[in-house]
Amino acid sequence: MSQMQIDQVLAQIRTLSSQVAPQAAPSAPETTGPSAFASLLRNSIDQVNEAQQHASDLATAFQRGASGVDLPQVMIEMEKASVSFRALTEVRNRLVSAYQDIMNMQM
């Protein structure tokens, strides 16, 4: 991955976290804990899914020859969806690793 791609991924992660941060801010005791984390994770998964669906829709529109849909636009949206999915996969891998570390701790 080039430095430019890494910077783009970091910028996208920061944008997503700033969009989610106001929603995840605890305003009452019942919004903290597992439910807040679960909703944050669910929102992230939904955003990645929406990006993939949007890229797929654009690709389909381009294949059908719809006006106003350019190949560079399609490629950019597909790459955004791919980067988002890879970032989500890395988060999942880190969560699984953390879970395994916790489960392997001796009491």
PDB file of N, CA and C in Angstrom:
ATOM      1  N   MET A   1       0.843  -1.174   0.000  1.00  0.00           N
ATOM      2  CA  MET A   1       0.000   0.000   0.000  1.00  0.00           C
ATOM      3  C   MET A   1       0.888   1.237   0.000  1.00  0.00           C
ATOM      4  N   SER A   2       0.605   2.185  -0.858  1.00  0.00           N
ATOM      5  CA  SER A   2       1.414   3.388  -0.924  1.00  0.00           C
ATOM      6  C   SER A   2       1.019   4.353   0.197  1.00  0.00           C
ATOM      7  N   GLN A   3       1.851   5.339   0.416  1.00  0.00           N
ATOM      8  CA  GLN A   3       1.594   6.329   1.471  1.00  0.00           C
ATOM      9  C   GLN A   3       0.298   7.089   1.186  1.00  0.00           C
ATOM     10  N   MET A   4       0.038   7.358  -0.098  1.00  0.00           N
ATOM     11  CA  MET A   4      -1.173   8.087  -0.464  1.00  0.00           C
ATOM     12  C   MET A   4      -2.423   7.272  -0.134  1.00  0.00           C
ATOM     13  N   GLN A   5      -2.375   5.990  -0.395  1.00  0.00           N
ATOM     14  CA  GLN A   5      -3.514   5.132  -0.085  1.00  0.00           C
ATOM     15  C   GLN A   5      -3.716   5.026   1.419  1.00  0.00           C
ATOM     16  N   ILE A   6      -2.635   4.947   2.161  1.00  0.00           N
ATOM     17  CA  ILE A   6      -2.735   4.862   3.618  1.00  0.00           C
ATOM     18  C   ILE A   6      -3.335   6.150   4.165  1.00  0.00           C
ATOM     19  N   ASP A   7      -2.906   7.288   3.633  1.00  0.00           N
ATOM     20  CA  ASP A   7      -3.454   8.566   4.069  1.00  0.00           C
ATOM     21  C   ASP A   7      -4.946   8.657   3.761  1.00  0.00           C
ATOM     22  N   GLN A   8      -5.354   8.125   2.606  1.00  0.00           N
ATOM     23  CA  GLN A   8      -6.761   8.140   2.246  1.00  0.00           C
ATOM     24  C   GLN A   8      -7.574   7.259   3.187  1.00  0.00           C
ATOM     25  N   VAL A   9      -7.051   6.100   3.530  1.00  0.00           N
ATOM     26  CA  VAL A   9      -7.749   5.203   4.456  1.00  0.00           C
ATOM     27  C   VAL A   9      -7.874   5.860   5.823  1.00  0.00           C
ATOM     28  N   LEU A  10      -6.787   6.467   6.300  1.00  0.00           N
ATOM     29  CA  LEU A  10      -6.831   7.141   7.594  1.00  0.00           C
ATOM     30  C   LEU A  10      -7.827   8.289   7.583  1.00  0.00           C
ATOM     31  N   ALA A  11      -7.857   9.042   6.504  1.00  0.00           N
ATOM     32  CA  ALA A  11      -8.815  10.144   6.407  1.00  0.00           C
ATOM     33  C   ALA A  11     -10.249   9.617   6.425  1.00  0.00           C
ATOM     34  N   GLN A  12     -10.472   8.503   5.735  1.00  0.00           N
ATOM     35  CA  GLN A  12     -11.810   7.924   5.713  1.00  0.00           C
ATOM     36  C   GLN A  12     -12.195   7.391   7.096  1.00  0.00           C
ATOM     37  N   ILE A  13     -11.265   6.770   7.789  1.00  0.00           N
ATOM     38  CA  ILE A  13     -11.549   6.264   9.138  1.00  0.00           C
ATOM     39  C   ILE A  13     -11.864   7.422  10.069  1.00  0.00           C
ATOM     40  N   ARG A  14     -11.093   8.508   9.956  1.00  0.00           N
ATOM     41  CA  ARG A  14     -11.359   9.683  10.794  1.00  0.00           C
ATOM     42  C   ARG A  14     -12.728  10.270  10.492  1.00  0.00           C
ATOM     43  N   THR A  15     -13.098  10.309   9.223  1.00  0.00           N
ATOM     44  CA  THR A  15     -14.403  10.833   8.838  1.00  0.00           C
ATOM     45  C   THR A  15     -15.516   9.968   9.418  1.00  0.00           C
ATOM     46  N   LEU A  16     -15.358   8.661   9.298  1.00  0.00           N
ATOM     47  CA  LEU A  16     -16.375   7.749   9.835  1.00  0.00           C
ATOM     48  C   LEU A  16     -16.466   7.860  11.342  1.00  0.00           C
ATOM     49  N   SER A  17     -15.317   7.977  12.012  1.00  0.00           N
ATOM     50  CA  SER A  17     -15.350   8.067  13.469  1.00  0.00           C
ATOM     51  C   SER A  17     -15.953   9.384  13.922  1.00  0.00           C
ATOM     52  N   SER A  18     -15.737  10.472  13.168  1.00  0.00           N
ATOM     53  CA  SER A  18     -16.350  11.743  13.547  1.00  0.00           C
ATOM     54  C   SER A  18     -17.857  11.717  13.317  1.00  0.00           C
ATOM     55  N   GLN A  19     -18.309  10.950  12.324  1.00  0.00           N
ATOM     56  CA  GLN A  19     -19.741  10.823  12.083  1.00  0.00           C
ATOM     57  C   GLN A  19     -20.408   9.974  13.156  1.00  0.00           C
ATOM     58  N   VAL A  20     -19.710   8.975  13.652  1.00  0.00           N
ATOM     59  CA  VAL A  20     -20.279   8.054  14.629  1.00  0.00           C
ATOM     60  C   VAL A  20     -20.089   8.574  16.047  1.00  0.00           C
ATOM     61  N   ALA A  21     -19.050   9.338  16.298  1.00  0.00           N
ATOM     62  CA  ALA A  21     -18.729   9.787  17.647  1.00  0.00           C
ATOM     63  C   ALA A  21     -19.883  10.505  18.338  1.00  0.00           C
ATOM     64  N   PRO A  22     -20.610  11.441  17.705  1.00  0.00           N
ATOM     65  CA  PRO A  22     -21.721  12.061  18.411  1.00  0.00           C
ATOM     66  C   PRO A  22     -22.813  11.070  18.790  1.00  0.00           C
ATOM     67  N   GLN A  23     -23.020  10.040  17.978  1.00  0.00           N
ATOM     68  CA  GLN A  23     -24.033   9.051  18.294  1.00  0.00           C
ATOM     69  C   GLN A  23     -23.594   8.143  19.433  1.00  0.00           C
ATOM     70  N   ALA A  24     -22.295   7.870  19.507  1.00  0.00           N
ATOM     71  CA  ALA A  24     -21.795   6.939  20.507  1.00  0.00           C
ATOM     72  C   ALA A  24     -21.480   7.616  21.826  1.00  0.00           C
ATOM     73  N   ALA A  25     -21.548   8.941  21.874  1.00  0.00           N
ATOM     74  CA  ALA A  25     -21.242   9.647  23.120  1.00  0.00           C
ATOM     75  C   ALA A  25     -22.286   9.301  24.162  1.00  0.00           C
ATOM     76  N   PRO A  26     -21.858   8.859  25.335  1.00  0.00           N
ATOM     77  CA  PRO A  26     -22.824   8.461  26.359  1.00  0.00           C
ATOM     78  C   PRO A  26     -23.540   9.678  26.935  1.00  0.00           C
ATOM     79  N   SER A  27     -24.852   9.684  26.799  1.00  0.00           N
ATOM     80  CA  SER A  27     -25.650  10.753  27.377  1.00  0.00           C
ATOM     81  C   SER A  27     -26.343  10.281  28.647  1.00  0.00           C
ATOM     82  N   ALA A  28     -26.447   8.991  28.789  1.00  0.00           N
ATOM     83  CA  ALA A  28     -27.061   8.389  29.971  1.00  0.00           C
ATOM     84  C   ALA A  28     -26.346   7.076  30.243  1.00  0.00           C
ATOM     85  N   PRO A  29     -26.413   6.590  31.472  1.00  0.00           N
ATOM     86  CA  PRO A  29     -25.709   5.347  31.800  1.00  0.00           C
ATOM     87  C   PRO A  29     -26.120   4.151  30.961  1.00  0.00           C
ATOM     88  N   GLU A  30     -27.358   4.101  30.464  1.00  0.00           N
ATOM     89  CA  GLU A  30     -27.784   2.934  29.720  1.00  0.00           C
ATOM     90  C   GLU A  30     -27.179   2.864  28.313  1.00  0.00           C
ATOM     91  N   THR A  31     -26.547   3.950  27.811  1.00  0.00           N
ATOM     92  CA  THR A  31     -25.950   3.905  26.478  1.00  0.00           C
ATOM     93  C   THR A  31     -24.494   3.490  26.508  1.00  0.00           C
ATOM     94  N   THR A  32     -23.945   3.253  27.668  1.00  0.00           N
ATOM     95  CA  THR A  32     -22.552   2.813  27.739  1.00  0.00           C
ATOM     96  C   THR A  32     -22.501   1.301  27.795  1.00  0.00           C
ATOM     97  N   GLY A  33     -21.341   0.760  27.517  1.00  0.00           N
ATOM     98  CA  GLY A  33     -21.162  -0.676  27.629  1.00  0.00           C
ATOM     99  C   GLY A  33     -21.353  -1.386  26.312  1.00  0.00           C
ATOM    100  N   PRO A  34     -21.751  -2.646  26.403  1.00  0.00           N
ATOM    101  CA  PRO A  34     -21.834  -3.481  25.211  1.00  0.00           C
ATOM    102  C   PRO A  34     -22.816  -2.966  24.160  1.00  0.00           C
ATOM    103  N   SER A  35     -23.924  -2.372  24.577  1.00  0.00           N
ATOM    104  CA  SER A  35     -24.902  -1.927  23.589  1.00  0.00           C
ATOM    105  C   SER A  35     -24.361  -0.783  22.742  1.00  0.00           C
ATOM    106  N   ALA A  36     -23.591   0.126  23.328  1.00  0.00           N
ATOM    107  CA  ALA A  36     -22.994   1.229  22.565  1.00  0.00           C
ATOM    108  C   ALA A  36     -21.964   0.680  21.587  1.00  0.00           C
ATOM    109  N   PHE A  37     -21.164  -0.266  22.030  1.00  0.00           N
ATOM    110  CA  PHE A  37     -20.171  -0.870  21.151  1.00  0.00           C
ATOM    111  C   PHE A  37     -20.847  -1.636  20.021  1.00  0.00           C
ATOM    112  N   ALA A  38     -21.888  -2.361  20.353  1.00  0.00           N
ATOM    113  CA  ALA A  38     -22.604  -3.128  19.338  1.00  0.00           C
ATOM    114  C   ALA A  38     -23.235  -2.208  18.302  1.00  0.00           C
ATOM    115  N   SER A  39     -23.810  -1.104  18.742  1.00  0.00           N
ATOM    116  CA  SER A  39     -24.419  -0.183  17.780  1.00  0.00           C
ATOM    117  C   SER A  39     -23.353   0.494  16.927  1.00  0.00           C
ATOM    118  N   LEU A  40     -22.202   0.811  17.501  1.00  0.00           N
ATOM    119  CA  LEU A  40     -21.103   1.389  16.740  1.00  0.00           C
ATOM    120  C   LEU A  40     -20.608   0.404  15.687  1.00  0.00           C
ATOM    121  N   LEU A  41     -20.449  -0.842  16.070  1.00  0.00           N
ATOM    122  CA  LEU A  41     -20.011  -1.872  15.142  1.00  0.00           C
ATOM    123  C   LEU A  41     -21.045  -2.105  14.046  1.00  0.00           C
ATOM    124  N   ARG A  42     -22.304  -2.142  14.414  1.00  0.00           N
ATOM    125  CA  ARG A  42     -23.388  -2.347  13.442  1.00  0.00           C
ATOM    126  C   ARG A  42     -23.426  -1.185  12.437  1.00  0.00           C
ATOM    127  N   ASN A  43     -23.275   0.051  12.927  1.00  0.00           N
ATOM    128  CA  ASN A  43     -23.271   1.209  12.031  1.00  0.00           C
ATOM    129  C   ASN A  43     -22.110   1.141  11.051  1.00  0.00           C
ATOM    130  N   SER A  44     -20.955   0.717  11.524  1.00  0.00           N
ATOM    131  CA  SER A  44     -19.786   0.603  10.651  1.00  0.00           C
ATOM    132  C   SER A  44     -20.006  -0.456   9.580  1.00  0.00           C
ATOM    133  N   ILE A  45     -20.545  -1.574   9.972  1.00  0.00           N
ATOM    134  CA  ILE A  45     -20.829  -2.647   9.014  1.00  0.00           C
ATOM    135  C   ILE A  45     -21.852  -2.180   7.986  1.00  0.00           C
ATOM    136  N   ASP A  46     -22.871  -1.475   8.440  1.00  0.00           N
ATOM    137  CA  ASP A  46     -23.890  -0.963   7.516  1.00  0.00           C
ATOM    138  C   ASP A  46     -23.304   0.038   6.522  1.00  0.00           C
ATOM    139  N   GLN A  47     -22.392   0.891   6.981  1.00  0.00           N
ATOM    140  CA  GLN A  47     -21.771   1.862   6.085  1.00  0.00           C
ATOM    141  C   GLN A  47     -20.910   1.179   5.027  1.00  0.00           C
ATOM    142  N   VAL A  48     -20.189   0.142   5.424  1.00  0.00           N
ATOM    143  CA  VAL A  48     -19.386  -0.610   4.452  1.00  0.00           C
ATOM    144  C   VAL A  48     -20.300  -1.308   3.454  1.00  0.00           C
ATOM    145  N   ASN A  49     -21.388  -1.863   3.934  1.00  0.00           N
ATOM    146  CA  ASN A  49     -22.349  -2.526   3.051  1.00  0.00           C
ATOM    147  C   ASN A  49     -22.955  -1.531   2.060  1.00  0.00           C
ATOM    148  N   GLU A  50     -23.307  -0.344   2.534  1.00  0.00           N
ATOM    149  CA  GLU A  50     -23.861   0.676   1.651  1.00  0.00           C
ATOM    150  C   GLU A  50     -22.848   1.092   0.588  1.00  0.00           C
ATOM    151  N   ALA A  51     -21.583   1.227   0.974  1.00  0.00           N
ATOM    152  CA  ALA A  51     -20.540   1.598   0.006  1.00  0.00           C
ATOM    153  C   ALA A  51     -20.398   0.526  -1.060  1.00  0.00           C
ATOM    154  N   GLN A  52     -20.453  -0.745  -0.653  1.00  0.00           N
ATOM    155  CA  GLN A  52     -20.347  -1.836  -1.620  1.00  0.00           C
ATOM    156  C   GLN A  52     -21.559  -1.879  -2.543  1.00  0.00           C
ATOM    157  N   GLN A  53     -22.738  -1.656  -2.008  1.00  0.00           N
ATOM    158  CA  GLN A  53     -23.935  -1.657  -2.833  1.00  0.00           C
ATOM    159  C   GLN A  53     -23.931  -0.494  -3.824  1.00  0.00           C
ATOM    160  N   HIS A  54     -23.480   0.679  -3.352  1.00  0.00           N
ATOM    161  CA  HIS A  54     -23.409   1.846  -4.230  1.00  0.00           C
ATOM    162  C   HIS A  54     -22.426   1.586  -5.372  1.00  0.00           C
ATOM    163  N   ALA A  55     -21.272   1.016  -5.067  1.00  0.00           N
ATOM    164  CA  ALA A  55     -20.283   0.709  -6.099  1.00  0.00           C
ATOM    165  C   ALA A  55     -20.832  -0.315  -7.085  1.00  0.00           C
ATOM    166  N   SER A  56     -21.530  -1.305  -6.577  1.00  0.00           N
ATOM    167  CA  SER A  56     -22.127  -2.324  -7.444  1.00  0.00           C
ATOM    168  C   SER A  56     -23.200  -1.723  -8.350  1.00  0.00           C
ATOM    169  N   ASP A  57     -24.015  -0.836  -7.793  1.00  0.00           N
ATOM    170  CA  ASP A  57     -25.049  -0.176  -8.594  1.00  0.00           C
ATOM    171  C   ASP A  57     -24.434   0.681  -9.699  1.00  0.00           C
ATOM    172  N   LEU A  58     -23.355   1.400  -9.361  1.00  0.00           N
ATOM    173  CA  LEU A  58     -22.677   2.206 -10.367  1.00  0.00           C
ATOM    174  C   LEU A  58     -22.083   1.339 -11.471  1.00  0.00           C
ATOM    175  N   ALA A  59     -21.485   0.219 -11.087  1.00  0.00           N
ATOM    176  CA  ALA A  59     -20.897  -0.683 -12.075  1.00  0.00           C
ATOM    177  C   ALA A  59     -21.977  -1.242 -12.997  1.00  0.00           C
ATOM    178  N   THR A  60     -23.110  -1.602 -12.441  1.00  0.00           N
ATOM    179  CA  THR A  60     -24.218  -2.108 -13.240  1.00  0.00           C
ATOM    180  C   THR A  60     -24.736  -1.033 -14.189  1.00  0.00           C
ATOM    181  N   ALA A  61     -24.857   0.192 -13.680  1.00  0.00           N
ATOM    182  CA  ALA A  61     -25.320   1.298 -14.524  1.00  0.00           C
ATOM    183  C   ALA A  61     -24.331   1.563 -15.653  1.00  0.00           C
ATOM    184  N   PHE A  62     -23.043   1.473 -15.366  1.00  0.00           N
ATOM    185  CA  PHE A  62     -22.035   1.681 -16.403  1.00  0.00           C
ATOM    186  C   PHE A  62     -22.110   0.586 -17.462  1.00  0.00           C
ATOM    187  N   GLN A  63     -22.306  -0.645 -17.020  1.00  0.00           N
ATOM    188  CA  GLN A  63     -22.393  -1.765 -17.963  1.00  0.00           C
ATOM    189  C   GLN A  63     -23.607  -1.639 -18.867  1.00  0.00           C
ATOM    190  N   ARG A  64     -24.658  -1.056 -18.346  1.00  0.00           N
ATOM    191  CA  ARG A  64     -25.871  -0.878 -19.147  1.00  0.00           C
ATOM    192  C   ARG A  64     -25.786   0.354 -20.049  1.00  0.00           C
ATOM    193  N   GLY A  65     -24.755   1.165 -19.847  1.00  0.00           N
ATOM    194  CA  GLY A  65     -24.566   2.343 -20.687  1.00  0.00           C
ATOM    195  C   GLY A  65     -25.371   3.543 -20.244  1.00  0.00           C
ATOM    196  N   ALA A  66     -25.657   3.629 -18.958  1.00  0.00           N
ATOM    197  CA  ALA A  66     -26.430   4.763 -18.441  1.00  0.00           C
ATOM    198  C   ALA A  66     -25.642   6.052 -18.617  1.00  0.00           C
ATOM    199  N   SER A  67     -26.341   7.112 -18.944  1.00  0.00           N
ATOM    200  CA  SER A  67     -25.663   8.394 -19.133  1.00  0.00           C
ATOM    201  C   SER A  67     -25.286   8.986 -17.779  1.00  0.00           C
ATOM    202  N   GLY A  68     -24.162   9.685 -17.757  1.00  0.00           N
ATOM    203  CA  GLY A  68     -23.707  10.325 -16.529  1.00  0.00           C
ATOM    204  C   GLY A  68     -22.871   9.431 -15.641  1.00  0.00           C
ATOM    205  N   VAL A  69     -22.618   8.204 -16.041  1.00  0.00           N
ATOM    206  CA  VAL A  69     -21.791   7.288 -15.257  1.00  0.00           C
ATOM    207  C   VAL A  69     -20.501   7.043 -16.025  1.00  0.00           C
ATOM    208  N   ASP A  70     -19.404   7.519 -15.473  1.00  0.00           N
ATOM    209  CA  ASP A  70     -18.103   7.382 -16.119  1.00  0.00           C
ATOM    210  C   ASP A  70     -17.314   6.246 -15.489  1.00  0.00           C
ATOM    211  N   LEU A  71     -16.410   5.681 -16.273  1.00  0.00           N
ATOM    212  CA  LEU A  71     -15.563   4.596 -15.777  1.00  0.00           C
ATOM    213  C   LEU A  71     -14.702   5.033 -14.591  1.00  0.00           C
ATOM    214  N   PRO A  72     -14.075   6.217 -14.627  1.00  0.00           N
ATOM    215  CA  PRO A  72     -13.281   6.624 -13.450  1.00  0.00           C
ATOM    216  C   PRO A  72     -14.115   6.724 -12.178  1.00  0.00           C
ATOM    217  N   GLN A  73     -15.337   7.202 -12.315  1.00  0.00           N
ATOM    218  CA  GLN A  73     -16.230   7.296 -11.161  1.00  0.00           C
ATOM    219  C   GLN A  73     -16.521   5.905 -10.596  1.00  0.00           C
ATOM    220  N   VAL A  74     -16.780   4.963 -11.477  1.00  0.00           N
ATOM    221  CA  VAL A  74     -17.069   3.592 -11.057  1.00  0.00           C
ATOM    222  C   VAL A  74     -15.855   2.989 -10.359  1.00  0.00           C
ATOM    223  N   MET A  75     -14.677   3.177 -10.945  1.00  0.00           N
ATOM    224  CA  MET A  75     -13.463   2.611 -10.366  1.00  0.00           C
ATOM    225  C   MET A  75     -13.156   3.221  -9.003  1.00  0.00           C
ATOM    226  N   ILE A  76     -13.368   4.516  -8.848  1.00  0.00           N
ATOM    227  CA  ILE A  76     -13.122   5.170  -7.562  1.00  0.00           C
ATOM    228  C   ILE A  76     -14.061   4.628  -6.497  1.00  0.00           C
ATOM    229  N   GLU A  77     -15.331   4.506  -6.828  1.00  0.00           N
ATOM    230  CA  GLU A  77     -16.297   3.991  -5.854  1.00  0.00           C
ATOM    231  C   GLU A  77     -16.014   2.533  -5.502  1.00  0.00           C
ATOM    232  N   MET A  78     -15.594   1.739  -6.477  1.00  0.00           N
ATOM    233  CA  MET A  78     -15.263   0.348  -6.188  1.00  0.00           C
ATOM    234  C   MET A  78     -14.028   0.255  -5.296  1.00  0.00           C
ATOM    235  N   GLU A  79     -13.055   1.128  -5.522  1.00  0.00           N
ATOM    236  CA  GLU A  79     -11.849   1.119  -4.686  1.00  0.00           C
ATOM    237  C   GLU A  79     -12.179   1.587  -3.269  1.00  0.00           C
ATOM    238  N   LYS A  80     -13.054   2.578  -3.135  1.00  0.00           N
ATOM    239  CA  LYS A  80     -13.482   3.019  -1.804  1.00  0.00           C
ATOM    240  C   LYS A  80     -14.150   1.874  -1.047  1.00  0.00           C
ATOM    241  N   ALA A  81     -15.018   1.158  -1.742  1.00  0.00           N
ATOM    242  CA  ALA A  81     -15.699   0.026  -1.113  1.00  0.00           C
ATOM    243  C   ALA A  81     -14.705  -1.055  -0.721  1.00  0.00           C
ATOM    244  N   SER A  82     -13.721  -1.288  -1.568  1.00  0.00           N
ATOM    245  CA  SER A  82     -12.704  -2.300  -1.282  1.00  0.00           C
ATOM    246  C   SER A  82     -11.867  -1.911  -0.067  1.00  0.00           C
ATOM    247  N   VAL A  83     -11.464  -0.654   0.003  1.00  0.00           N
ATOM    248  CA  VAL A  83     -10.661  -0.184   1.138  1.00  0.00           C
ATOM    249  C   VAL A  83     -11.476  -0.257   2.427  1.00  0.00           C
ATOM    250  N   SER A  84     -12.741   0.132   2.346  1.00  0.00           N
ATOM    251  CA  SER A  84     -13.611   0.057   3.519  1.00  0.00           C
ATOM    252  C   SER A  84     -13.750  -1.383   4.008  1.00  0.00           C
ATOM    253  N   PHE A  85     -13.917  -2.299   3.064  1.00  0.00           N
ATOM    254  CA  PHE A  85     -14.065  -3.702   3.439  1.00  0.00           C
ATOM    255  C   PHE A  85     -12.785  -4.247   4.062  1.00  0.00           C
ATOM    256  N   ARG A  86     -11.628  -3.884   3.474  1.00  0.00           N
ATOM    257  CA  ARG A  86     -10.359  -4.334   4.052  1.00  0.00           C
ATOM    258  C   ARG A  86     -10.152  -3.778   5.457  1.00  0.00           C
ATOM    259  N   ALA A  87     -10.531  -2.519   5.667  1.00  0.00           N
ATOM    260  CA  ALA A  87     -10.409  -1.923   7.002  1.00  0.00           C
ATOM    261  C   ALA A  87     -11.322  -2.644   7.990  1.00  0.00           C
ATOM    262  N   LEU A  88     -12.542  -2.946   7.566  1.00  0.00           N
ATOM    263  CA  LEU A  88     -13.469  -3.677   8.430  1.00  0.00           C
ATOM    264  C   LEU A  88     -12.939  -5.069   8.748  1.00  0.00           C
ATOM    265  N   THR A  89     -12.337  -5.721   7.762  1.00  0.00           N
ATOM    266  CA  THR A  89     -11.753  -7.045   7.976  1.00  0.00           C
ATOM    267  C   THR A  89     -10.613  -6.978   8.986  1.00  0.00           C
ATOM    268  N   GLU A  90      -9.802  -5.942   8.904  1.00  0.00           N
ATOM    269  CA  GLU A  90      -8.703  -5.785   9.863  1.00  0.00           C
ATOM    270  C   GLU A  90      -9.235  -5.558  11.276  1.00  0.00           C
ATOM    271  N   VAL A  91     -10.299  -4.773  11.394  1.00  0.00           N
ATOM    272  CA  VAL A  91     -10.910  -4.556  12.711  1.00  0.00           C
ATOM    273  C   VAL A  91     -11.429  -5.876  13.255  1.00  0.00           C
ATOM    274  N   ARG A  92     -12.082  -6.651  12.394  1.00  0.00           N
ATOM    275  CA  ARG A  92     -12.575  -7.962  12.825  1.00  0.00           C
ATOM    276  C   ARG A  92     -11.443  -8.862  13.279  1.00  0.00           C
ATOM    277  N   ASN A  93     -10.338  -8.869  12.512  1.00  0.00           N
ATOM    278  CA  ASN A  93      -9.192  -9.701  12.880  1.00  0.00           C
ATOM    279  C   ASN A  93      -8.619  -9.287  14.221  1.00  0.00           C
ATOM    280  N   ARG A  94      -8.545  -7.988  14.463  1.00  0.00           N
ATOM    281  CA  ARG A  94      -8.020  -7.502  15.750  1.00  0.00           C
ATOM    282  C   ARG A  94      -8.957  -7.875  16.895  1.00  0.00           C
ATOM    283  N   LEU A  95     -10.263  -7.793  16.665  1.00  0.00           N
ATOM    284  CA  LEU A  95     -11.217  -8.175  17.704  1.00  0.00           C
ATOM    285  C   LEU A  95     -11.122  -9.665  18.021  1.00  0.00           C
ATOM    286  N   VAL A  96     -10.998 -10.479  16.995  1.00  0.00           N
ATOM    287  CA  VAL A  96     -10.863 -11.924  17.206  1.00  0.00           C
ATOM    288  C   VAL A  96      -9.568 -12.219  17.953  1.00  0.00           C
ATOM    289  N   SER A  97      -8.500 -11.548  17.592  1.00  0.00           N
ATOM    290  CA  SER A  97      -7.220 -11.744  18.267  1.00  0.00           C
ATOM    291  C   SER A  97      -7.309 -11.338  19.737  1.00  0.00           C
ATOM    292  N   ALA A  98      -7.957 -10.207  20.005  1.00  0.00           N
ATOM    293  CA  ALA A  98      -8.118  -9.759  21.391  1.00  0.00           C
ATOM    294  C   ALA A  98      -8.964 -10.752  22.177  1.00  0.00           C
ATOM    295  N   TYR A  99     -10.019 -11.266  21.561  1.00  0.00           N
ATOM    296  CA  TYR A  99     -10.866 -12.261  22.225  1.00  0.00           C
ATOM    297  C   TYR A  99     -10.064 -13.522  22.545  1.00  0.00           C
ATOM    298  N   GLN A 100      -9.265 -13.969  21.582  1.00  0.00           N
ATOM    299  CA  GLN A 100      -8.459 -15.163  21.811  1.00  0.00           C
ATOM    300  C   GLN A 100      -7.431 -14.932  22.916  1.00  0.00           C
ATOM    301  N   ASP A 101      -6.839 -13.751  22.954  1.00  0.00           N
ATOM    302  CA  ASP A 101      -5.889 -13.426  24.021  1.00  0.00           C
ATOM    303  C   ASP A 101      -6.555 -13.471  25.385  1.00  0.00           C
ATOM    304  N   ILE A 102      -7.747 -12.923  25.457  1.00  0.00           N
ATOM    305  CA  ILE A 102      -8.475 -12.918  26.722  1.00  0.00           C
ATOM    306  C   ILE A 102      -8.854 -14.327  27.133  1.00  0.00           C
ATOM    307  N   MET A 103      -9.297 -15.136  26.171  1.00  0.00           N
ATOM    308  CA  MET A 103      -9.689 -16.505  26.482  1.00  0.00           C
ATOM    309  C   MET A 103      -8.498 -17.361  26.896  1.00  0.00           C
ATOM    310  N   ASN A 104      -7.300 -17.029  26.418  1.00  0.00           N
ATOM    311  CA  ASN A 104      -6.112 -17.805  26.755  1.00  0.00           C
ATOM    312  C   ASN A 104      -5.448 -17.367  28.050  1.00  0.00           C
ATOM    313  N   MET A 105      -5.960 -16.317  28.673  1.00  0.00           N
ATOM    314  CA  MET A 105      -5.392 -15.872  29.943  1.00  0.00           C
ATOM    315  C   MET A 105      -5.684 -16.895  31.025  1.00  0.00           C
ATOM    316  N   GLN A 106      -4.690 -17.104  31.850  1.00  0.00           N
ATOM    317  CA  GLN A 106      -4.882 -18.057  32.941  1.00  0.00           C
ATOM    318  C   GLN A 106      -5.409 -17.308  34.150  1.00  0.00           C
ATOM    319  N   MET A 107      -6.270 -17.993  34.874  1.00  0.00           N
ATOM    320  CA  MET A 107      -6.847 -17.371  36.061  1.00  0.00           C
ATOM    321  C   MET A 107      -6.157 -17.867  37.298  1.00  0.00           C
TER     322      MET A 107
END
